[in-house]
Amino acid sequence: MAQRSSKRPKPAVRRKTVRTKAPAVTDPIADMLTRIRNAAMAQHVDVNVPVSKMKMEIASILHREGYIRGFQLVDRGRMLRIRLKYDANRRPVINGLKRVSTPGRRVYAGRENLPRVLGGMGVAIVSTSRGIITGREAQHEGVGGEVVGIVW
């Protein structure tokens, strides 16, 4: 049996603090929709999300359909600031956001079976060969594609 000597205690190891960036998000679109949903529930005026072309197109659809006030690039073009919209009673205009197609389970819809959200009261966001458009626009153009998400 080995005995420990009690001569000197070992000095504490000093470790450098390494600051790293936030971990990579596996589904950036779901992250964007979640940030918007959380900010709307907390009644924030705006919300920042990391920018990408697809997120800009989704924000453009949300603005065109009247779900948000607007959006702009901030932080030298690295972040997308989305200004949320509320009604007269301070309730968010966006009642729900849902990611349909995920990286682990892609959901595609042909031009005949594009989803209708709440009987036409909501909007389906579809990624087609003609870009990211609403379900109504895809039906009008006669194209199908990946159902990115739905908003109501």
N, C-alpha and C. Protein backbone atom coordinates (compact mmCIF):
# COMPACT_ATOMS: atom_id res chain seq x y z
N MET A 1 0.82 -1.15 0.00
CA MET A 1 0.00 0.00 0.00
C MET A 1 0.88 1.24 0.00
N ALA A 2 0.65 2.09 -0.99
CA ALA A 2 1.47 3.29 -1.12
C ALA A 2 0.97 4.37 -0.18
N GLN A 3 1.91 5.04 0.43
CA GLN A 3 1.53 6.12 1.34
C GLN A 3 1.78 7.46 0.66
N ARG A 4 0.89 8.39 0.95
CA ARG A 4 1.04 9.74 0.40
C ARG A 4 1.91 10.54 1.33
N SER A 5 2.78 11.27 0.72
CA SER A 5 3.60 12.14 1.57
C SER A 5 2.85 13.45 1.77
N SER A 6 2.95 13.99 2.92
CA SER A 6 2.24 15.22 3.23
C SER A 6 3.19 16.39 3.24
N LYS A 7 4.22 16.29 2.42
CA LYS A 7 5.22 17.35 2.41
C LYS A 7 4.65 18.66 1.87
N ARG A 8 4.23 18.64 0.58
CA ARG A 8 3.72 19.86 -0.02
C ARG A 8 2.47 19.54 -0.83
N PRO A 9 1.46 20.39 -0.70
CA PRO A 9 0.29 20.17 -1.56
C PRO A 9 0.61 20.62 -2.99
N LYS A 10 0.00 19.98 -3.94
CA LYS A 10 0.21 20.34 -5.34
C LYS A 10 -0.42 21.70 -5.60
N PRO A 11 0.26 22.52 -6.37
CA PRO A 11 -0.32 23.83 -6.68
C PRO A 11 -1.55 23.67 -7.58
N ALA A 12 -2.50 24.58 -7.42
CA ALA A 12 -3.71 24.55 -8.25
C ALA A 12 -3.33 24.83 -9.70
N VAL A 13 -3.96 24.12 -10.58
CA VAL A 13 -3.67 24.28 -12.00
C VAL A 13 -4.47 25.48 -12.52
N ARG A 14 -3.77 26.41 -13.14
CA ARG A 14 -4.45 27.57 -13.71
C ARG A 14 -4.76 27.27 -15.17
N ARG A 15 -5.99 27.34 -15.50
CA ARG A 15 -6.39 27.07 -16.88
C ARG A 15 -6.81 28.37 -17.54
N LYS A 16 -6.45 28.48 -18.80
CA LYS A 16 -6.85 29.66 -19.55
C LYS A 16 -8.33 29.57 -19.86
N THR A 17 -8.99 30.69 -19.77
CA THR A 17 -10.40 30.74 -20.15
C THR A 17 -10.46 30.97 -21.65
N VAL A 18 -11.02 30.02 -22.34
CA VAL A 18 -11.11 30.12 -23.79
C VAL A 18 -12.55 30.48 -24.13
N ARG A 19 -12.71 31.62 -24.76
CA ARG A 19 -14.05 32.04 -25.16
C ARG A 19 -14.29 31.58 -26.59
N THR A 20 -15.35 30.83 -26.75
CA THR A 20 -15.68 30.36 -28.08
C THR A 20 -17.01 30.95 -28.50
N LYS A 21 -17.29 30.86 -29.77
CA LYS A 21 -18.57 31.32 -30.28
C LYS A 21 -19.65 30.35 -29.82
N ALA A 22 -20.90 30.79 -29.97
CA ALA A 22 -22.01 29.92 -29.61
C ALA A 22 -21.96 28.67 -30.48
N PRO A 23 -22.43 27.55 -29.96
CA PRO A 23 -22.39 26.33 -30.76
C PRO A 23 -23.24 26.46 -32.02
N ALA A 24 -22.84 25.77 -33.05
CA ALA A 24 -23.57 25.83 -34.32
C ALA A 24 -24.97 25.25 -34.14
N VAL A 25 -25.92 25.91 -34.76
CA VAL A 25 -27.30 25.46 -34.68
C VAL A 25 -27.52 24.45 -35.80
N THR A 26 -28.16 23.34 -35.48
CA THR A 26 -28.36 22.31 -36.50
C THR A 26 -29.50 22.65 -37.45
N ASP A 27 -30.47 23.45 -36.99
CA ASP A 27 -31.58 23.86 -37.85
C ASP A 27 -31.79 25.36 -37.70
N PRO A 28 -31.12 26.16 -38.52
CA PRO A 28 -31.19 27.62 -38.38
C PRO A 28 -32.59 28.19 -38.61
N ILE A 29 -33.38 27.57 -39.47
CA ILE A 29 -34.73 28.08 -39.74
C ILE A 29 -35.62 27.85 -38.53
N ALA A 30 -35.53 26.68 -37.92
CA ALA A 30 -36.30 26.42 -36.69
C ALA A 30 -35.86 27.37 -35.59
N ASP A 31 -34.57 27.67 -35.53
CA ASP A 31 -34.07 28.63 -34.54
C ASP A 31 -34.68 30.01 -34.77
N MET A 32 -34.76 30.43 -36.03
CA MET A 32 -35.36 31.73 -36.35
C MET A 32 -36.83 31.77 -35.94
N LEU A 33 -37.58 30.74 -36.30
CA LEU A 33 -39.00 30.71 -35.97
C LEU A 33 -39.21 30.67 -34.46
N THR A 34 -38.37 29.96 -33.74
CA THR A 34 -38.47 29.90 -32.29
C THR A 34 -38.17 31.25 -31.66
N ARG A 35 -37.15 31.94 -32.18
CA ARG A 35 -36.83 33.27 -31.66
C ARG A 35 -38.00 34.23 -31.87
N ILE A 36 -38.62 34.17 -33.04
CA ILE A 36 -39.77 35.05 -33.32
C ILE A 36 -40.93 34.69 -32.39
N ARG A 37 -41.20 33.40 -32.23
CA ARG A 37 -42.30 32.95 -31.37
C ARG A 37 -42.08 33.40 -29.92
N ASN A 38 -40.85 33.21 -29.41
CA ASN A 38 -40.55 33.59 -28.03
C ASN A 38 -40.63 35.10 -27.84
N ALA A 39 -40.11 35.86 -28.80
CA ALA A 39 -40.14 37.32 -28.69
C ALA A 39 -41.58 37.84 -28.73
N ALA A 40 -42.42 37.22 -29.54
CA ALA A 40 -43.82 37.64 -29.62
C ALA A 40 -44.54 37.34 -28.31
N MET A 41 -44.27 36.19 -27.72
CA MET A 41 -44.92 35.85 -26.45
C MET A 41 -44.45 36.77 -25.33
N ALA A 42 -43.20 37.22 -25.40
CA ALA A 42 -42.66 38.12 -24.39
C ALA A 42 -42.94 39.59 -24.72
N GLN A 43 -43.65 39.83 -25.81
CA GLN A 43 -44.04 41.16 -26.28
C GLN A 43 -42.86 42.09 -26.53
N HIS A 44 -41.81 41.55 -27.13
CA HIS A 44 -40.67 42.37 -27.52
C HIS A 44 -41.00 43.14 -28.79
N VAL A 45 -40.36 44.28 -28.96
CA VAL A 45 -40.59 45.10 -30.15
C VAL A 45 -39.92 44.47 -31.36
N ASP A 46 -38.70 43.98 -31.17
CA ASP A 46 -37.98 43.36 -32.27
C ASP A 46 -37.14 42.20 -31.77
N VAL A 47 -36.64 41.43 -32.72
CA VAL A 47 -35.83 40.26 -32.41
C VAL A 47 -34.71 40.17 -33.44
N ASN A 48 -33.51 39.80 -32.99
CA ASN A 48 -32.36 39.65 -33.88
C ASN A 48 -32.09 38.17 -34.13
N VAL A 49 -31.83 37.84 -35.39
CA VAL A 49 -31.45 36.48 -35.77
C VAL A 49 -30.24 36.55 -36.70
N PRO A 50 -29.36 35.57 -36.66
CA PRO A 50 -28.25 35.56 -37.62
C PRO A 50 -28.80 35.52 -39.05
N VAL A 51 -28.15 36.22 -39.94
CA VAL A 51 -28.69 36.41 -41.29
C VAL A 51 -28.28 35.27 -42.24
N SER A 52 -29.16 34.96 -43.17
CA SER A 52 -28.88 34.09 -44.31
C SER A 52 -29.89 34.47 -45.39
N LYS A 53 -29.63 34.04 -46.61
CA LYS A 53 -30.53 34.38 -47.71
C LYS A 53 -31.92 33.80 -47.49
N MET A 54 -31.98 32.58 -47.00
CA MET A 54 -33.27 31.93 -46.78
C MET A 54 -34.06 32.66 -45.69
N LYS A 55 -33.39 33.07 -44.63
CA LYS A 55 -34.06 33.79 -43.56
C LYS A 55 -34.57 35.15 -44.05
N MET A 56 -33.81 35.80 -44.92
CA MET A 56 -34.25 37.07 -45.50
C MET A 56 -35.52 36.86 -46.33
N GLU A 57 -35.58 35.77 -47.08
CA GLU A 57 -36.76 35.49 -47.90
C GLU A 57 -37.97 35.17 -47.02
N ILE A 58 -37.76 34.44 -45.94
CA ILE A 58 -38.86 34.13 -45.03
C ILE A 58 -39.36 35.41 -44.37
N ALA A 59 -38.43 36.28 -43.95
CA ALA A 59 -38.82 37.56 -43.36
C ALA A 59 -39.58 38.41 -44.37
N SER A 60 -39.17 38.35 -45.62
CA SER A 60 -39.86 39.09 -46.67
C SER A 60 -41.30 38.60 -46.85
N ILE A 61 -41.49 37.30 -46.79
CA ILE A 61 -42.84 36.73 -46.89
C ILE A 61 -43.68 37.15 -45.69
N LEU A 62 -43.09 37.07 -44.49
CA LEU A 62 -43.83 37.47 -43.29
C LEU A 62 -44.23 38.94 -43.36
N HIS A 63 -43.37 39.79 -43.90
CA HIS A 63 -43.68 41.21 -44.04
C HIS A 63 -44.77 41.42 -45.10
N ARG A 64 -44.63 40.76 -46.23
CA ARG A 64 -45.60 40.89 -47.31
C ARG A 64 -46.99 40.43 -46.90
N GLU A 65 -47.04 39.38 -46.07
CA GLU A 65 -48.32 38.83 -45.63
C GLU A 65 -48.89 39.56 -44.41
N GLY A 66 -48.14 40.52 -43.86
CA GLY A 66 -48.64 41.35 -42.77
C GLY A 66 -48.43 40.79 -41.37
N TYR A 67 -47.52 39.85 -41.20
CA TYR A 67 -47.26 39.26 -39.88
C TYR A 67 -46.22 40.04 -39.08
N ILE A 68 -45.34 40.78 -39.76
CA ILE A 68 -44.33 41.58 -39.07
C ILE A 68 -44.35 42.99 -39.65
N ARG A 69 -43.80 43.96 -38.88
CA ARG A 69 -43.75 45.35 -39.36
C ARG A 69 -42.69 45.53 -40.42
N GLY A 70 -41.57 44.87 -40.26
CA GLY A 70 -40.48 45.01 -41.21
C GLY A 70 -39.24 44.29 -40.71
N PHE A 71 -38.17 44.42 -41.48
CA PHE A 71 -36.89 43.80 -41.12
C PHE A 71 -35.77 44.59 -41.73
N GLN A 72 -34.60 44.50 -41.12
CA GLN A 72 -33.42 45.19 -41.64
C GLN A 72 -32.16 44.47 -41.20
N LEU A 73 -31.08 44.72 -41.92
CA LEU A 73 -29.78 44.16 -41.56
C LEU A 73 -29.12 45.08 -40.54
N VAL A 74 -28.56 44.49 -39.49
CA VAL A 74 -27.83 45.25 -38.47
C VAL A 74 -26.52 44.53 -38.18
N ASP A 75 -25.69 45.15 -37.36
CA ASP A 75 -24.40 44.57 -36.95
C ASP A 75 -23.54 44.24 -38.16
N ARG A 76 -23.37 45.24 -39.03
CA ARG A 76 -22.56 45.11 -40.25
C ARG A 76 -23.00 43.96 -41.14
N GLY A 77 -24.31 43.75 -41.22
CA GLY A 77 -24.85 42.73 -42.12
C GLY A 77 -24.82 41.32 -41.58
N ARG A 78 -24.52 41.15 -40.30
CA ARG A 78 -24.45 39.80 -39.72
C ARG A 78 -25.75 39.36 -39.07
N MET A 79 -26.58 40.33 -38.69
CA MET A 79 -27.82 40.00 -37.99
C MET A 79 -29.00 40.59 -38.76
N LEU A 80 -30.12 39.93 -38.64
CA LEU A 80 -31.36 40.37 -39.24
C LEU A 80 -32.29 40.78 -38.10
N ARG A 81 -32.66 42.06 -38.05
CA ARG A 81 -33.56 42.54 -37.00
C ARG A 81 -34.97 42.53 -37.56
N ILE A 82 -35.84 41.78 -36.90
CA ILE A 82 -37.24 41.65 -37.32
C ILE A 82 -38.09 42.42 -36.33
N ARG A 83 -38.88 43.38 -36.84
CA ARG A 83 -39.77 44.18 -36.01
C ARG A 83 -41.14 43.50 -35.97
N LEU A 84 -41.54 43.12 -34.78
CA LEU A 84 -42.79 42.38 -34.61
C LEU A 84 -43.99 43.32 -34.66
N LYS A 85 -45.13 42.74 -34.95
CA LYS A 85 -46.36 43.51 -35.10
C LYS A 85 -47.39 43.05 -34.07
N TYR A 86 -48.09 44.00 -33.47
CA TYR A 86 -49.10 43.71 -32.45
C TYR A 86 -50.40 44.42 -32.82
N ASP A 87 -51.52 43.90 -32.31
CA ASP A 87 -52.81 44.56 -32.56
C ASP A 87 -53.05 45.65 -31.51
N ALA A 88 -54.24 46.23 -31.51
CA ALA A 88 -54.56 47.34 -30.61
C ALA A 88 -54.54 46.92 -29.14
N ASN A 89 -54.83 45.65 -28.85
CA ASN A 89 -54.83 45.13 -27.48
C ASN A 89 -53.48 44.57 -27.07
N ARG A 90 -52.43 44.87 -27.83
CA ARG A 90 -51.06 44.42 -27.57
C ARG A 90 -50.90 42.90 -27.62
N ARG A 91 -51.71 42.27 -28.47
CA ARG A 91 -51.56 40.84 -28.73
C ARG A 91 -50.77 40.66 -30.02
N PRO A 92 -49.87 39.69 -30.08
CA PRO A 92 -49.08 39.52 -31.30
C PRO A 92 -49.95 39.11 -32.48
N VAL A 93 -49.61 39.63 -33.66
CA VAL A 93 -50.32 39.26 -34.88
C VAL A 93 -50.03 37.81 -35.22
N ILE A 94 -48.81 37.36 -34.93
CA ILE A 94 -48.45 35.96 -35.17
C ILE A 94 -48.98 35.13 -34.02
N ASN A 95 -49.95 34.29 -34.31
CA ASN A 95 -50.51 33.39 -33.28
C ASN A 95 -49.73 32.09 -33.19
N GLY A 96 -49.11 31.69 -34.27
CA GLY A 96 -48.34 30.46 -34.25
C GLY A 96 -47.38 30.37 -35.42
N LEU A 97 -46.26 29.73 -35.17
CA LEU A 97 -45.24 29.44 -36.16
C LEU A 97 -44.84 27.99 -35.98
N LYS A 98 -44.72 27.26 -37.06
CA LYS A 98 -44.34 25.86 -36.92
C LYS A 98 -43.40 25.48 -38.06
N ARG A 99 -42.33 24.80 -37.71
CA ARG A 99 -41.40 24.27 -38.70
C ARG A 99 -41.96 22.94 -39.15
N VAL A 100 -42.16 22.76 -40.44
CA VAL A 100 -42.73 21.51 -40.95
C VAL A 100 -41.62 20.57 -41.40
N SER A 101 -40.79 21.01 -42.33
CA SER A 101 -39.71 20.18 -42.84
C SER A 101 -38.46 20.43 -42.02
N THR A 102 -37.86 19.38 -41.50
CA THR A 102 -36.67 19.51 -40.67
C THR A 102 -35.49 18.84 -41.38
N PRO A 103 -34.26 19.09 -40.94
CA PRO A 103 -33.13 18.41 -41.58
C PRO A 103 -33.21 16.89 -41.49
N GLY A 104 -33.84 16.38 -40.44
CA GLY A 104 -33.96 14.93 -40.29
C GLY A 104 -35.17 14.33 -40.97
N ARG A 105 -36.15 15.17 -41.32
CA ARG A 105 -37.37 14.68 -41.96
C ARG A 105 -37.87 15.74 -42.91
N ARG A 106 -37.49 15.63 -44.16
CA ARG A 106 -37.90 16.59 -45.17
C ARG A 106 -39.34 16.30 -45.59
N VAL A 107 -40.12 17.36 -45.76
CA VAL A 107 -41.52 17.22 -46.15
C VAL A 107 -41.70 17.97 -47.47
N TYR A 108 -42.11 17.23 -48.49
CA TYR A 108 -42.34 17.81 -49.80
C TYR A 108 -43.81 17.71 -50.15
N ALA A 109 -44.28 18.66 -50.93
CA ALA A 109 -45.67 18.65 -51.37
C ALA A 109 -45.70 18.97 -52.86
N GLY A 110 -46.47 18.18 -53.58
CA GLY A 110 -46.65 18.45 -55.00
C GLY A 110 -47.61 19.61 -55.19
N ARG A 111 -47.76 20.03 -56.42
CA ARG A 111 -48.63 21.19 -56.66
C ARG A 111 -50.09 20.88 -56.37
N GLU A 112 -50.46 19.61 -56.36
CA GLU A 112 -51.85 19.23 -56.08
C GLU A 112 -52.16 19.19 -54.59
N ASN A 113 -51.18 18.95 -53.76
CA ASN A 113 -51.44 18.78 -52.32
C ASN A 113 -50.63 19.72 -51.44
N LEU A 114 -50.57 20.99 -51.84
CA LEU A 114 -49.92 22.00 -51.00
C LEU A 114 -50.81 22.25 -49.79
N PRO A 115 -50.21 22.43 -48.60
CA PRO A 115 -51.04 22.57 -47.40
C PRO A 115 -51.79 23.90 -47.36
N ARG A 116 -53.01 23.85 -46.82
CA ARG A 116 -53.79 25.06 -46.54
C ARG A 116 -53.80 25.22 -45.03
N VAL A 117 -53.40 26.38 -44.58
CA VAL A 117 -53.29 26.63 -43.14
C VAL A 117 -54.56 27.31 -42.66
N LEU A 118 -55.25 26.69 -41.73
CA LEU A 118 -56.49 27.21 -41.16
C LEU A 118 -57.49 27.62 -42.24
N GLY A 119 -57.64 26.79 -43.23
CA GLY A 119 -58.61 27.05 -44.30
C GLY A 119 -58.29 28.29 -45.10
N GLY A 120 -57.03 28.65 -45.21
CA GLY A 120 -56.63 29.82 -45.97
C GLY A 120 -56.32 31.05 -45.12
N MET A 121 -56.56 30.96 -43.81
CA MET A 121 -56.30 32.10 -42.94
C MET A 121 -54.81 32.23 -42.59
N GLY A 122 -54.06 31.17 -42.70
CA GLY A 122 -52.63 31.19 -42.43
C GLY A 122 -51.84 31.08 -43.72
N VAL A 123 -50.53 30.98 -43.59
CA VAL A 123 -49.64 30.95 -44.75
C VAL A 123 -48.68 29.77 -44.61
N ALA A 124 -48.54 29.02 -45.69
CA ALA A 124 -47.52 27.98 -45.76
C ALA A 124 -46.34 28.58 -46.53
N ILE A 125 -45.13 28.37 -46.02
CA ILE A 125 -43.93 28.85 -46.69
C ILE A 125 -43.29 27.66 -47.38
N VAL A 126 -43.12 27.77 -48.70
CA VAL A 126 -42.67 26.65 -49.52
C VAL A 126 -41.41 27.05 -50.28
N SER A 127 -40.41 26.18 -50.24
CA SER A 127 -39.19 26.37 -51.01
C SER A 127 -39.34 25.63 -52.33
N THR A 128 -39.39 26.37 -53.43
CA THR A 128 -39.62 25.78 -54.75
C THR A 128 -38.43 26.05 -55.65
N SER A 129 -38.53 25.58 -56.88
CA SER A 129 -37.49 25.87 -57.87
C SER A 129 -37.53 27.34 -58.27
N ARG A 130 -38.61 28.02 -57.96
CA ARG A 130 -38.75 29.45 -58.26
C ARG A 130 -38.45 30.33 -57.06
N GLY A 131 -37.89 29.75 -56.02
CA GLY A 131 -37.55 30.50 -54.82
C GLY A 131 -38.47 30.15 -53.67
N ILE A 132 -38.34 30.89 -52.60
CA ILE A 132 -39.17 30.67 -51.42
C ILE A 132 -40.41 31.53 -51.56
N ILE A 133 -41.57 30.88 -51.62
CA ILE A 133 -42.83 31.59 -51.84
C ILE A 133 -43.90 31.01 -50.93
N THR A 134 -45.06 31.65 -50.89
CA THR A 134 -46.16 31.14 -50.08
C THR A 134 -46.83 29.97 -50.79
N GLY A 135 -47.62 29.21 -50.05
CA GLY A 135 -48.35 28.09 -50.64
C GLY A 135 -49.33 28.55 -51.70
N ARG A 136 -49.97 29.70 -51.47
CA ARG A 136 -50.92 30.24 -52.46
C ARG A 136 -50.21 30.60 -53.76
N GLU A 137 -49.05 31.24 -53.65
CA GLU A 137 -48.28 31.59 -54.84
C GLU A 137 -47.82 30.34 -55.58
N ALA A 138 -47.39 29.32 -54.84
CA ALA A 138 -46.94 28.07 -55.46
C ALA A 138 -48.10 27.40 -56.19
N GLN A 139 -49.28 27.43 -55.58
CA GLN A 139 -50.45 26.83 -56.22
C GLN A 139 -50.81 27.60 -57.49
N HIS A 140 -50.72 28.92 -57.42
CA HIS A 140 -51.03 29.76 -58.58
C HIS A 140 -50.05 29.52 -59.72
N GLU A 141 -48.75 29.32 -59.37
CA GLU A 141 -47.74 29.08 -60.38
C GLU A 141 -47.67 27.62 -60.82
N GLY A 142 -48.36 26.75 -60.09
CA GLY A 142 -48.39 25.34 -60.46
C GLY A 142 -47.12 24.59 -60.14
N VAL A 143 -46.47 24.95 -59.03
CA VAL A 143 -45.24 24.25 -58.63
C VAL A 143 -45.40 23.73 -57.20
N GLY A 144 -44.65 22.71 -56.89
CA GLY A 144 -44.59 22.17 -55.54
C GLY A 144 -43.19 22.37 -54.99
N GLY A 145 -42.95 21.85 -53.79
CA GLY A 145 -41.63 21.97 -53.22
C GLY A 145 -41.60 21.54 -51.78
N GLU A 146 -40.56 21.95 -51.08
CA GLU A 146 -40.39 21.60 -49.68
C GLU A 146 -41.18 22.59 -48.81
N VAL A 147 -42.01 22.05 -47.94
CA VAL A 147 -42.80 22.89 -47.03
C VAL A 147 -41.91 23.27 -45.86
N VAL A 148 -41.43 24.50 -45.86
CA VAL A 148 -40.49 24.96 -44.84
C VAL A 148 -41.20 25.13 -43.49
N GLY A 149 -42.34 25.80 -43.50
CA GLY A 149 -43.06 26.05 -42.26
C GLY A 149 -44.44 26.63 -42.53
N ILE A 150 -45.20 26.80 -41.45
CA ILE A 150 -46.52 27.42 -41.55
C ILE A 150 -46.65 28.50 -40.50
N VAL A 151 -47.43 29.52 -40.83
CA VAL A 151 -47.64 30.67 -39.94
C VAL A 151 -49.13 30.94 -39.90
N TRP A 152 -49.65 31.24 -38.71
CA TRP A 152 -51.05 31.63 -38.59
C TRP A 152 -51.21 32.66 -37.49
